[in-house]
Protein backbone atom coordinates (compact mmCIF):
# COMPACT_ATOMS: atom_id res chain seq x y z
CA UNK A 1 76.19 109.48 159.35
CA UNK A 2 77.55 105.93 159.72
CA UNK A 3 80.32 106.25 162.19
CA UNK A 4 79.53 104.21 165.30
CA UNK A 5 82.78 104.63 167.08
CA UNK A 6 85.89 106.82 167.09
CA UNK A 7 89.31 105.45 166.07
CA UNK A 8 90.94 108.16 168.19
CA UNK A 9 91.05 108.43 171.89
CA UNK A 10 91.58 112.07 173.18
CA UNK A 11 89.19 114.84 172.82
CA UNK A 12 91.21 116.72 170.45
CA UNK A 13 91.43 113.60 168.13
CA UNK A 14 87.91 112.70 168.37
CA UNK A 15 86.84 116.36 167.48
CA UNK A 16 88.89 116.34 164.63
CA UNK A 17 87.62 112.95 163.48
CA UNK A 18 84.02 114.05 163.93
CA UNK A 19 84.72 117.39 161.95
CA UNK A 20 85.84 115.29 159.14
CA UNK A 21 82.88 112.80 159.17
CA UNK A 22 80.74 115.95 159.15
CA UNK A 23 82.41 117.73 156.21
CA UNK A 24 82.45 114.38 154.29
CA UNK A 25 78.57 113.85 155.05
CA UNK A 26 77.88 117.50 153.94
CA UNK A 27 79.91 117.32 150.78
CA UNK A 28 78.15 114.31 149.71
CA UNK A 29 74.95 115.96 150.39
CA UNK A 30 75.78 119.00 148.31
CA UNK A 31 77.03 116.70 145.37
CA UNK A 32 73.62 114.83 145.39
CA UNK A 33 71.52 118.10 145.65
CA UNK A 34 73.49 120.45 142.94
CA UNK A 35 75.74 117.72 141.29
CA UNK A 36 79.49 117.69 140.72
CA UNK A 37 79.99 119.84 138.14
CA UNK A 38 77.89 122.99 139.64
CA UNK A 39 79.89 122.34 143.01
CA UNK A 40 83.44 122.33 141.22
CA UNK A 41 82.48 125.64 139.47
CA UNK A 42 81.32 127.15 142.88
CA UNK A 43 84.79 126.04 144.54
CA UNK A 44 86.67 127.48 141.54
CA UNK A 45 84.91 130.72 141.91
CA UNK A 46 85.46 130.96 145.50
CA UNK A 47 89.10 130.06 145.22
CA UNK A 48 89.57 132.78 142.56
CA UNK A 49 87.78 135.40 144.89
CA UNK A 50 89.75 134.58 147.95
CA UNK A 51 93.11 133.48 146.52
CA UNK A 52 94.16 135.88 143.78
CA UNK A 53 97.32 134.62 141.98
């Protein structure tokens, strides 16, 4: 994924940093596989389903 070391020191910080790295990696993968437009449509649909205004 490109991360060779962590910027934080304690376990909680390292865990959060690793989670952000994995999230970024997975989002980049999804954008390459289905495209940005399809991803934005899926996010919008999920937002409307779970957060009714």
